[in-house]
PDB file of N, CA and C in Angstrom:
ATOM      1  N   MET A   1      -0.147  14.647   9.285  1.00  0.00           N
ATOM      2  CA  MET A   1      -1.957  13.951   9.208  1.00  0.00           C
ATOM      3  C   MET A   1      -2.161  12.922   9.835  1.00  0.00           C
ATOM      4  N   LYS A   2      -2.401  12.914  10.613  1.00  0.00           N
ATOM      5  CA  LYS A   2      -3.318  11.315  11.067  1.00  0.00           C
ATOM      6  C   LYS A   2      -4.280  11.432  10.447  1.00  0.00           C
ATOM      7  N   ASN A   3      -4.741  11.756  11.251  1.00  0.00           N
ATOM      8  CA  ASN A   3      -6.894  12.181  11.388  1.00  0.00           C
ATOM      9  C   ASN A   3      -7.483  12.914  10.479  1.00  0.00           C
ATOM     10  N   ILE A   4      -7.368  12.499   9.592  1.00  0.00           N
ATOM     11  CA  ILE A   4      -8.622  13.388   8.265  1.00  0.00           C
ATOM     12  C   ILE A   4     -10.020  13.203   8.174  1.00  0.00           C
ATOM     13  N   ILE A   5     -10.299  14.247   8.374  1.00  0.00           N
ATOM     14  CA  ILE A   5     -11.712  14.323   8.620  1.00  0.00           C
ATOM     15  C   ILE A   5     -12.140  14.870   7.602  1.00  0.00           C
ATOM     16  N   SER A   6     -13.509  14.364   7.321  1.00  0.00           N
ATOM     17  CA  SER A   6     -14.830  15.487   5.973  1.00  0.00           C
ATOM     18  C   SER A   6     -15.870  14.960   6.750  1.00  0.00           C
ATOM     19  N   ASN A   7     -16.016  15.590   5.613  1.00  0.00           N
ATOM     20  CA  ASN A   7     -17.595  15.392   5.544  1.00  0.00           C
ATOM     21  C   ASN A   7     -18.307  14.409   4.892  1.00  0.00           C
ATOM     22  N   LYS A   8     -20.014  14.160   5.039  1.00  0.00           N
ATOM     23  CA  LYS A   8     -20.646  13.155   4.742  1.00  0.00           C
ATOM     24  C   LYS A   8     -20.341  13.360   2.780  1.00  0.00           C
ATOM     25  N   SER A   9     -20.671  13.952   2.641  1.00  0.00           N
ATOM     26  CA  SER A   9     -20.686  14.439   0.750  1.00  0.00           C
ATOM     27  C   SER A   9     -19.526  15.185   0.290  1.00  0.00           C
ATOM     28  N   PHE A  10     -18.065  14.804   0.944  1.00  0.00           N
ATOM     29  CA  PHE A  10     -16.798  14.808   0.535  1.00  0.00           C
ATOM     30  C   PHE A  10     -16.434  16.229   0.132  1.00  0.00           C
ATOM     31  N   ASP A  11     -17.145  17.298   0.664  1.00  0.00           N
ATOM     32  CA  ASP A  11     -16.996  18.975  -0.048  1.00  0.00           C
ATOM     33  C   ASP A  11     -15.530  19.718   0.766  1.00  0.00           C
ATOM     34  N   LYS A  12     -15.253  18.661   1.952  1.00  0.00           N
ATOM     35  CA  LYS A  12     -14.957  20.002   2.614  1.00  0.00           C
ATOM     36  C   LYS A  12     -13.700  18.341   3.193  1.00  0.00           C
ATOM     37  N   PHE A  13     -12.487  18.842   3.961  1.00  0.00           N
ATOM     38  CA  PHE A  13     -11.564  18.185   4.438  1.00  0.00           C
ATOM     39  C   PHE A  13     -10.505  18.721   5.279  1.00  0.00           C
ATOM     40  N   CYS A  14     -10.028  17.801   7.019  1.00  0.00           N
ATOM     41  CA  CYS A  14      -8.960  19.175   7.087  1.00  0.00           C
ATOM     42  C   CYS A  14      -8.992  17.687   8.319  1.00  0.00           C
ATOM     43  N   TYR A  15      -7.612  18.334   9.151  1.00  0.00           N
ATOM     44  CA  TYR A  15      -6.779  17.620  10.425  1.00  0.00           C
ATOM     45  C   TYR A  15      -6.809  18.521  11.357  1.00  0.00           C
ATOM     46  N   ILE A  16      -6.676  17.428  12.267  1.00  0.00           N
ATOM     47  CA  ILE A  16      -6.756  18.713  13.364  1.00  0.00           C
ATOM     48  C   ILE A  16      -4.847  18.715  13.726  1.00  0.00           C
ATOM     49  N   ASP A  17      -4.554  20.006  13.886  1.00  0.00           N
ATOM     50  CA  ASP A  17      -3.273  20.196  14.167  1.00  0.00           C
ATOM     51  C   ASP A  17      -2.947  19.731  15.644  1.00  0.00           C
ATOM     52  N   GLU A  18      -1.546  19.773  16.002  1.00  0.00           N
ATOM     53  CA  GLU A  18      -0.863  19.341  17.219  1.00  0.00           C
ATOM     54  C   GLU A  18      -1.651  20.755  18.648  1.00  0.00           C
ATOM     55  N   LYS A  19      -2.250  21.408  17.883  1.00  0.00           N
ATOM     56  CA  LYS A  19      -2.133  22.921  18.893  1.00  0.00           C
ATOM     57  C   LYS A  19      -4.102  22.635  18.924  1.00  0.00           C
ATOM     58  N   ASN A  20      -4.666  21.325  18.162  1.00  0.00           N
ATOM     59  CA  ASN A  20      -6.101  21.644  18.331  1.00  0.00           C
ATOM     60  C   ASN A  20      -7.071  22.642  17.497  1.00  0.00           C
ATOM     61  N   ASN A  21      -6.124  22.910  16.330  1.00  0.00           N
ATOM     62  CA  ASN A  21      -6.679  23.650  15.472  1.00  0.00           C
ATOM     63  C   ASN A  21      -7.024  22.621  14.520  1.00  0.00           C
ATOM     64  N   MET A  22      -8.263  22.857  13.360  1.00  0.00           N
ATOM     65  CA  MET A  22      -8.627  22.155  12.147  1.00  0.00           C
ATOM     66  C   MET A  22      -8.010  23.251  11.112  1.00  0.00           C
ATOM     67  N   VAL A  23      -7.117  22.452  10.521  1.00  0.00           N
ATOM     68  CA  VAL A  23      -6.647  23.021   8.975  1.00  0.00           C
ATOM     69  C   VAL A  23      -7.646  21.989   7.670  1.00  0.00           C
ATOM     70  N   ASP A  24      -8.038  23.587   7.095  1.00  0.00           N
ATOM     71  CA  ASP A  24      -8.296  23.069   5.691  1.00  0.00           C
ATOM     72  C   ASP A  24      -7.414  22.095   4.629  1.00  0.00           C
ATOM     73  N   ILE A  25      -8.145  21.381   4.534  1.00  0.00           N
ATOM     74  CA  ILE A  25      -6.856  20.204   3.232  1.00  0.00           C
ATOM     75  C   ILE A  25      -7.793  20.246   2.024  1.00  0.00           C
ATOM     76  N   THR A  26      -9.021  20.913   1.821  1.00  0.00           N
ATOM     77  CA  THR A  26      -9.935  20.247   0.604  1.00  0.00           C
ATOM     78  C   THR A  26      -9.158  20.592  -0.402  1.00  0.00           C
ATOM     79  N   ASN A  27      -8.557  21.732  -0.429  1.00  0.00           N
ATOM     80  CA  ASN A  27      -7.780  21.694  -1.857  1.00  0.00           C
ATOM     81  C   ASN A  27      -6.877  20.923  -2.599  1.00  0.00           C
ATOM     82  N   LYS A  28      -6.379  20.305  -1.533  1.00  0.00           N
ATOM     83  CA  LYS A  28      -5.089  19.169  -1.471  1.00  0.00           C
ATOM     84  C   LYS A  28      -5.824  17.593  -1.375  1.00  0.00           C
ATOM     85  N   CYS A  29      -7.145  17.289  -1.638  1.00  0.00           N
ATOM     86  CA  CYS A  29      -7.491  15.871  -1.270  1.00  0.00           C
ATOM     87  C   CYS A  29      -8.161  15.721  -3.082  1.00  0.00           C
ATOM     88  N   PRO A  30      -7.782  14.032  -3.386  1.00  0.00           N
ATOM     89  CA  PRO A  30      -8.954  13.902  -4.764  1.00  0.00           C
ATOM     90  C   PRO A  30     -10.414  13.540  -3.811  1.00  0.00           C
ATOM     91  N   ILE A  31     -10.730  14.521  -4.236  1.00  0.00           N
ATOM     92  CA  ILE A  31     -12.231  14.674  -3.911  1.00  0.00           C
ATOM     93  C   ILE A  31     -13.080  13.669  -5.004  1.00  0.00           C
ATOM     94  N   GLU A  32     -13.292  13.793  -6.020  1.00  0.00           N
ATOM     95  CA  GLU A  32     -13.710  13.523  -7.016  1.00  0.00           C
ATOM     96  C   GLU A  32     -13.390  11.525  -6.900  1.00  0.00           C
ATOM     97  N   LEU A  33     -12.062  11.106  -6.972  1.00  0.00           N
ATOM     98  CA  LEU A  33     -11.995   9.522  -6.288  1.00  0.00           C
ATOM     99  C   LEU A  33     -12.948   9.311  -5.213  1.00  0.00           C
ATOM    100  N   CYS A  34     -12.815  10.030  -3.929  1.00  0.00           N
ATOM    101  CA  CYS A  34     -13.456   9.971  -2.520  1.00  0.00           C
ATOM    102  C   CYS A  34     -15.293   9.378  -3.123  1.00  0.00           C
ATOM    103  N   LYS A  35     -15.815  10.631  -3.301  1.00  0.00           N
ATOM    104  CA  LYS A  35     -17.281  10.618  -4.528  1.00  0.00           C
ATOM    105  C   LYS A  35     -17.037   9.053  -4.956  1.00  0.00           C
ATOM    106  N   ASN A  36     -16.617   8.828  -5.883  1.00  0.00           N
ATOM    107  CA  ASN A  36     -16.486   7.814  -6.835  1.00  0.00           C
ATOM    108  C   ASN A  36     -16.352   6.448  -6.195  1.00  0.00           C
ATOM    109  N   PHE A  37     -15.297   6.300  -5.295  1.00  0.00           N
ATOM    110  CA  PHE A  37     -15.051   5.297  -4.428  1.00  0.00           C
ATOM    111  C   PHE A  37     -16.747   4.950  -3.622  1.00  0.00           C
ATOM    112  N   LYS A  38     -16.734   6.178  -2.667  1.00  0.00           N
ATOM    113  CA  LYS A  38     -17.938   5.506  -2.088  1.00  0.00           C
ATOM    114  C   LYS A  38     -18.933   4.904  -2.795  1.00  0.00           C
ATOM    115  N   LYS A  39     -19.667   5.470  -4.421  1.00  0.00           N
ATOM    116  CA  LYS A  39     -20.483   4.615  -4.741  1.00  0.00           C
ATOM    117  C   LYS A  39     -19.803   2.842  -4.811  1.00  0.00           C
ATOM    118  N   ILE A  40     -18.744   2.405  -5.474  1.00  0.00           N
ATOM    119  CA  ILE A  40     -17.865   1.729  -5.151  1.00  0.00           C
ATOM    120  C   ILE A  40     -18.150   0.729  -4.185  1.00  0.00           C
ATOM    121  N   ILE A  41     -17.929   1.285  -2.432  1.00  0.00           N
ATOM    122  CA  ILE A  41     -18.201   0.381  -1.698  1.00  0.00           C
ATOM    123  C   ILE A  41     -19.319   0.251  -1.157  1.00  0.00           C
ATOM    124  N   LYS A  42     -20.778   1.472  -1.642  1.00  0.00           N
ATOM    125  CA  LYS A  42     -21.448   1.933  -0.583  1.00  0.00           C
ATOM    126  C   LYS A  42     -22.114   1.367   1.143  1.00  0.00           C
ATOM    127  N   ASP A  43     -20.742   2.154   1.438  1.00  0.00           N
ATOM    128  CA  ASP A  43     -21.466   2.087   2.831  1.00  0.00           C
ATOM    129  C   ASP A  43     -20.263   3.484   3.029  1.00  0.00           C
ATOM    130  N   ASP A  44     -20.057   3.741   4.376  1.00  0.00           N
ATOM    131  CA  ASP A  44     -19.375   4.738   4.721  1.00  0.00           C
ATOM    132  C   ASP A  44     -17.917   4.789   4.235  1.00  0.00           C
ATOM    133  N   LEU A  45     -17.326   5.637   3.961  1.00  0.00           N
ATOM    134  CA  LEU A  45     -15.826   5.930   3.736  1.00  0.00           C
ATOM    135  C   LEU A  45     -15.116   6.386   4.844  1.00  0.00           C
ATOM    136  N   VAL A  46     -14.175   5.220   5.019  1.00  0.00           N
ATOM    137  CA  VAL A  46     -13.434   5.681   6.570  1.00  0.00           C
ATOM    138  C   VAL A  46     -11.678   5.821   5.544  1.00  0.00           C
ATOM    139  N   LEU A  47     -11.505   7.691   6.157  1.00  0.00           N
ATOM    140  CA  LEU A  47     -10.152   8.163   5.755  1.00  0.00           C
ATOM    141  C   LEU A  47      -9.155   7.121   7.482  1.00  0.00           C
ATOM    142  N   ASP A  48      -8.082   6.191   6.826  1.00  0.00           N
ATOM    143  CA  ASP A  48      -7.738   5.309   8.030  1.00  0.00           C
ATOM    144  C   ASP A  48      -6.357   5.419   7.539  1.00  0.00           C
ATOM    145  N   LYS A  49      -5.200   5.907   8.103  1.00  0.00           N
ATOM    146  CA  LYS A  49      -3.623   5.823   7.642  1.00  0.00           C
ATOM    147  C   LYS A  49      -2.540   4.664   8.042  1.00  0.00           C
ATOM    148  N   SER A  50      -3.942   4.666   9.256  1.00  0.00           N
ATOM    149  CA  SER A  50      -2.972   3.436   9.536  1.00  0.00           C
ATOM    150  C   SER A  50      -3.376   1.591   8.974  1.00  0.00           C
ATOM    151  N   ILE A  51      -4.044   1.596   8.226  1.00  0.00           N
ATOM    152  CA  ILE A  51      -3.948   0.782   7.752  1.00  0.00           C
ATOM    153  C   ILE A  51      -3.396   0.334   5.900  1.00  0.00           C
ATOM    154  N   ILE A  52      -2.451   1.783   5.998  1.00  0.00           N
ATOM    155  CA  ILE A  52      -2.135   2.024   4.416  1.00  0.00           C
ATOM    156  C   ILE A  52      -0.760   0.580   4.006  1.00  0.00           C
ATOM    157  N   ASP A  53      -0.580   0.644   5.071  1.00  0.00           N
ATOM    158  CA  ASP A  53       0.912  -0.639   5.180  1.00  0.00           C
ATOM    159  C   ASP A  53       0.398  -2.142   5.369  1.00  0.00           C
ATOM    160  N   ILE A  54      -1.000  -2.561   5.262  1.00  0.00           N
ATOM    161  CA  ILE A  54      -1.830  -3.618   5.317  1.00  0.00           C
ATOM    162  C   ILE A  54      -1.158  -4.089   3.635  1.00  0.00           C
ATOM    163  N   PRO A  55      -0.989  -5.195   3.078  1.00  0.00           N
ATOM    164  CA  PRO A  55      -0.382  -5.569   1.582  1.00  0.00           C
ATOM    165  C   PRO A  55      -1.780  -6.383   0.959  1.00  0.00           C
ATOM    166  N   VAL A  56      -2.065  -5.799  -0.081  1.00  0.00           N
ATOM    167  CA  VAL A  56      -3.030  -6.473  -0.670  1.00  0.00           C
ATOM    168  C   VAL A  56      -2.450  -6.206  -2.321  1.00  0.00           C
ATOM    169  N   GLU A  57      -3.412  -7.012  -2.636  1.00  0.00           N
ATOM    170  CA  GLU A  57      -2.819  -7.432  -3.912  1.00  0.00           C
ATOM    171  C   GLU A  57      -2.815  -6.522  -4.999  1.00  0.00           C
ATOM    172  N   ASP A  58      -1.888  -6.496  -6.113  1.00  0.00           N
ATOM    173  CA  ASP A  58      -1.576  -5.097  -7.358  1.00  0.00           C
ATOM    174  C   ASP A  58      -3.352  -4.732  -7.360  1.00  0.00           C
ATOM    175  N   ILE A  59      -3.582  -5.753  -7.798  1.00  0.00           N
ATOM    176  CA  ILE A  59      -5.058  -5.631  -8.886  1.00  0.00           C
ATOM    177  C   ILE A  59      -6.202  -4.773  -7.948  1.00  0.00           C
ATOM    178  N   TYR A  60      -6.350  -4.972  -6.391  1.00  0.00           N
ATOM    179  CA  TYR A  60      -6.692  -3.523  -5.935  1.00  0.00           C
ATOM    180  C   TYR A  60      -5.910  -1.896  -6.083  1.00  0.00           C
ATOM    181  N   HIS A  61      -4.973  -2.065  -5.876  1.00  0.00           N
ATOM    182  CA  HIS A  61      -4.524  -0.929  -6.522  1.00  0.00           C
ATOM    183  C   HIS A  61      -4.503  -0.281  -8.054  1.00  0.00           C
ATOM    184  N   TYR A  62      -5.350  -1.157  -9.274  1.00  0.00           N
ATOM    185  CA  TYR A  62      -4.684  -1.313  -9.908  1.00  0.00           C
ATOM    186  C   TYR A  62      -6.585  -0.552 -10.121  1.00  0.00           C
ATOM    187  N   ILE A  63      -7.768  -0.942  -9.659  1.00  0.00           N
ATOM    188  CA  ILE A  63      -9.177  -0.090  -9.856  1.00  0.00           C
ATOM    189  C   ILE A  63      -9.203   0.791  -8.745  1.00  0.00           C
ATOM    190  N   ILE A  64      -8.383   1.339  -7.831  1.00  0.00           N
ATOM    191  CA  ILE A  64      -8.093   2.469  -7.370  1.00  0.00           C
ATOM    192  C   ILE A  64      -7.960   3.791  -8.543  1.00  0.00           C
ATOM    193  N   GLU A  65      -6.925   3.262  -9.055  1.00  0.00           N
ATOM    194  CA  GLU A  65      -6.035   3.839  -9.979  1.00  0.00           C
ATOM    195  C   GLU A  65      -7.421   3.968 -11.219  1.00  0.00           C
ATOM    196  N   LYS A  66      -8.098   3.042 -11.037  1.00  0.00           N
ATOM    197  CA  LYS A  66      -8.817   3.420 -12.512  1.00  0.00           C
ATOM    198  C   LYS A  66      -9.927   4.105 -11.996  1.00  0.00           C
ATOM    199  N   THR A  67     -10.538   4.073 -11.391  1.00  0.00           N
ATOM    200  CA  THR A  67     -11.543   4.781 -10.252  1.00  0.00           C
ATOM    201  C   THR A  67     -11.041   6.411 -10.125  1.00  0.00           C
ATOM    202  N   TYR A  68      -9.611   6.195  -9.610  1.00  0.00           N
ATOM    203  CA  TYR A  68      -9.378   7.618 -10.142  1.00  0.00           C
ATOM    204  C   TYR A  68      -9.028   8.715 -11.816  1.00  0.00           C
ATOM    205  N   SER A  69      -8.881   7.544 -12.360  1.00  0.00           N
ATOM    206  CA  SER A  69      -8.858   8.140 -13.947  1.00  0.00           C
ATOM    207  C   SER A  69      -9.835   7.477 -14.720  1.00  0.00           C
ATOM    208  N   THR A  70     -10.687   7.369 -14.585  1.00  0.00           N
ATOM    209  CA  THR A  70     -11.897   6.774 -15.187  1.00  0.00           C
ATOM    210  C   THR A  70     -12.779   6.580 -14.628  1.00  0.00           C
ATOM    211  N   PRO A  71     -13.266   7.388 -13.959  1.00  0.00           N
ATOM    212  CA  PRO A  71     -14.640   7.506 -12.982  1.00  0.00           C
ATOM    213  C   PRO A  71     -15.841   6.738 -13.601  1.00  0.00           C
ATOM    214  N   SER A  72     -15.836   7.019 -14.680  1.00  0.00           N
ATOM    215  CA  SER A  72     -17.093   6.673 -15.357  1.00  0.00           C
ATOM    216  C   SER A  72     -17.545   4.985 -15.356  1.00  0.00           C
ATOM    217  N   TRP A  73     -16.260   4.078 -15.162  1.00  0.00           N
ATOM    218  CA  TRP A  73     -16.161   2.630 -15.115  1.00  0.00           C
ATOM    219  C   TRP A  73     -16.911   2.168 -14.007  1.00  0.00           C
ATOM    220  N   ILE A  74     -17.398   2.921 -12.534  1.00  0.00           N
ATOM    221  CA  ILE A  74     -18.009   2.252 -11.287  1.00  0.00           C
ATOM    222  C   ILE A  74     -19.007   1.967 -11.769  1.00  0.00           C
ATOM    223  N   GLU A  75     -19.724   2.338 -12.689  1.00  0.00           N
ATOM    224  CA  GLU A  75     -21.646   1.748 -12.508  1.00  0.00           C
ATOM    225  C   GLU A  75     -21.270   0.963 -13.226  1.00  0.00           C
ATOM    226  N   GLU A  76     -20.189  -0.015 -13.735  1.00  0.00           N
ATOM    227  CA  GLU A  76     -20.050  -1.510 -14.484  1.00  0.00           C
ATOM    228  C   GLU A  76     -19.519  -2.353 -13.129  1.00  0.00           C
ATOM    229  N   VAL A  77     -19.316  -1.885 -11.749  1.00  0.00           N
ATOM    230  CA  VAL A  77     -19.027  -2.868 -10.854  1.00  0.00           C
ATOM    231  C   VAL A  77     -19.471  -3.416  -9.815  1.00  0.00           C
ATOM    232  N   ASN A  78     -19.224  -3.755  -8.763  1.00  0.00           N
ATOM    233  CA  ASN A  78     -19.753  -4.491  -8.506  1.00  0.00           C
ATOM    234  C   ASN A  78     -18.756  -5.582  -7.134  1.00  0.00           C
ATOM    235  N   PHE A  79     -18.437  -5.593  -5.890  1.00  0.00           N
ATOM    236  CA  PHE A  79     -17.628  -5.978  -5.276  1.00  0.00           C
ATOM    237  C   PHE A  79     -18.206  -6.849  -4.005  1.00  0.00           C
ATOM    238  N   ASN A  80     -18.213  -7.651  -3.219  1.00  0.00           N
ATOM    239  CA  ASN A  80     -18.316  -8.468  -2.299  1.00  0.00           C
ATOM    240  C   ASN A  80     -17.643  -7.389  -1.077  1.00  0.00           C
ATOM    241  N   ASN A  81     -17.595  -8.027   0.154  1.00  0.00           N
ATOM    242  CA  ASN A  81     -17.574  -7.734   0.915  1.00  0.00           C
ATOM    243  C   ASN A  81     -15.852  -7.679   1.817  1.00  0.00           C
ATOM    244  N   HIS A  82     -15.591  -8.746   1.268  1.00  0.00           N
ATOM    245  CA  HIS A  82     -14.140  -9.241   1.538  1.00  0.00           C
ATOM    246  C   HIS A  82     -13.163  -8.246   0.379  1.00  0.00           C
ATOM    247  N   SER A  83     -14.009  -7.928  -1.198  1.00  0.00           N
ATOM    248  CA  SER A  83     -12.968  -7.259  -2.018  1.00  0.00           C
ATOM    249  C   SER A  83     -12.871  -5.833  -1.435  1.00  0.00           C
ATOM    250  N   LYS A  84     -14.180  -5.811  -0.782  1.00  0.00           N
ATOM    251  CA  LYS A  84     -14.717  -4.175  -0.540  1.00  0.00           C
ATOM    252  C   LYS A  84     -13.353  -3.714   0.682  1.00  0.00           C
ATOM    253  N   LYS A  85     -13.058  -4.559   1.487  1.00  0.00           N
ATOM    254  CA  LYS A  85     -12.176  -4.513   2.860  1.00  0.00           C
ATOM    255  C   LYS A  85     -10.994  -4.022   1.742  1.00  0.00           C
ATOM    256  N   LYS A  86     -10.136  -5.025   1.010  1.00  0.00           N
ATOM    257  CA  LYS A  86      -9.075  -5.021   0.317  1.00  0.00           C
ATOM    258  C   LYS A  86      -8.733  -3.322  -0.709  1.00  0.00           C
ATOM    259  N   LEU A  87     -10.104  -3.529  -1.168  1.00  0.00           N
ATOM    260  CA  LEU A  87     -10.006  -2.176  -1.808  1.00  0.00           C
ATOM    261  C   LEU A  87      -9.942  -0.769  -0.648  1.00  0.00           C
ATOM    262  N   ILE A  88     -10.691  -0.824   0.446  1.00  0.00           N
ATOM    263  CA  ILE A  88     -10.592   0.417   1.414  1.00  0.00           C
ATOM    264  C   ILE A  88      -9.090   0.453   1.890  1.00  0.00           C
ATOM    265  N   ILE A  89      -8.739  -0.861   1.590  1.00  0.00           N
ATOM    266  CA  ILE A  89      -6.700  -0.486   1.871  1.00  0.00           C
ATOM    267  C   ILE A  89      -5.931   0.510   1.095  1.00  0.00           C
ATOM    268  N   ALA A  90      -6.100  -0.204  -0.149  1.00  0.00           N
ATOM    269  CA  ALA A  90      -5.902   0.252  -1.477  1.00  0.00           C
ATOM    270  C   ALA A  90      -6.592   1.495  -1.509  1.00  0.00           C
ATOM    271  N   PHE A  91      -7.807   2.144  -1.526  1.00  0.00           N
ATOM    272  CA  PHE A  91      -8.164   3.461  -1.039  1.00  0.00           C
ATOM    273  C   PHE A  91      -6.956   4.833  -0.802  1.00  0.00           C
ATOM    274  N   ASN A  92      -7.451   4.155   0.852  1.00  0.00           N
ATOM    275  CA  ASN A  92      -6.227   4.663   1.647  1.00  0.00           C
ATOM    276  C   ASN A  92      -5.246   5.162   1.249  1.00  0.00           C
ATOM    277  N   LYS A  93      -4.320   4.004   0.889  1.00  0.00           N
ATOM    278  CA  LYS A  93      -3.143   3.977   0.242  1.00  0.00           C
ATOM    279  C   LYS A  93      -3.201   5.582  -0.556  1.00  0.00           C
ATOM    280  N   PHE A  94      -3.702   5.102  -1.792  1.00  0.00           N
ATOM    281  CA  PHE A  94      -3.944   6.459  -2.587  1.00  0.00           C
ATOM    282  C   PHE A  94      -4.166   7.353  -2.276  1.00  0.00           C
ATOM    283  N   PHE A  95      -4.866   7.619  -1.260  1.00  0.00           N
ATOM    284  CA  PHE A  95      -5.473   8.642  -0.933  1.00  0.00           C
ATOM    285  C   PHE A  95      -4.080   9.794  -0.006  1.00  0.00           C
ATOM    286  N   PHE A  96      -3.673   8.975   0.572  1.00  0.00           N
ATOM    287  CA  PHE A  96      -2.162   9.803   1.152  1.00  0.00           C
ATOM    288  C   PHE A  96      -1.419   9.729   0.943  1.00  0.00           C
ATOM    289  N   ASN A  97      -1.042   9.277  -0.419  1.00  0.00           N
ATOM    290  CA  ASN A  97       0.004   9.188  -1.177  1.00  0.00           C
ATOM    291  C   ASN A  97      -0.196  10.504  -2.072  1.00  0.00           C
ATOM    292  N   LYS A  98      -1.442  10.725  -2.210  1.00  0.00           N
ATOM    293  CA  LYS A  98      -2.435  11.800  -3.206  1.00  0.00           C
ATOM    294  C   LYS A  98      -1.947  13.182  -2.032  1.00  0.00           C
ATOM    295  N   LEU A  99      -2.408  13.054  -1.406  1.00  0.00           N
ATOM    296  CA  LEU A  99      -2.112  13.869  -0.215  1.00  0.00           C
ATOM    297  C   LEU A  99      -0.768  14.531   0.256  1.00  0.00           C
ATOM    298  N   ASN A 100      -0.032  13.480   0.022  1.00  0.00           N
ATOM    299  CA  ASN A 100       1.953  13.961   0.669  1.00  0.00           C
ATOM    300  C   ASN A 100       1.752  14.652  -0.881  1.00  0.00           C
ATOM    301  N   GLU A 101       1.331  14.174  -2.145  1.00  0.00           N
ATOM    302  CA  GLU A 101       2.081  14.949  -3.245  1.00  0.00           C
ATOM    303  C   GLU A 101       1.583  16.101  -2.856  1.00  0.00           C
ATOM    304  N   ASN A 102       0.567  16.322  -2.328  1.00  0.00           N
ATOM    305  CA  ASN A 102      -0.042  17.958  -2.723  1.00  0.00           C
ATOM    306  C   ASN A 102       0.601  19.069  -1.575  1.00  0.00           C
ATOM    307  N   VAL A 103       1.089  18.585  -0.302  1.00  0.00           N
ATOM    308  CA  VAL A 103       1.426  18.879   0.515  1.00  0.00           C
ATOM    309  C   VAL A 103       2.563  19.974   0.504  1.00  0.00           C
TER     310      VAL A 103
END
């Protein structure tokens, strides 16, 4: 699954298979994490598998895991643009790892 597509509200996720069919994978995606992470970055959330191998410090992975396990904490945080870029990388790595666990 290369290109994951979602609607703006993160209620539906799909990908386009090799025959150009849309395959619904909503039930395999961490939907609440996506919704909560979008609140953190306050921008459009892009699902991009091509960036998951870019190294980021462990703290960014910890922040994503904390957002996944304790979503209420996001009301207390604010990140600068540099940190948001690293969080997006860590988020995508977490998202695709979760997706692969559920396939």
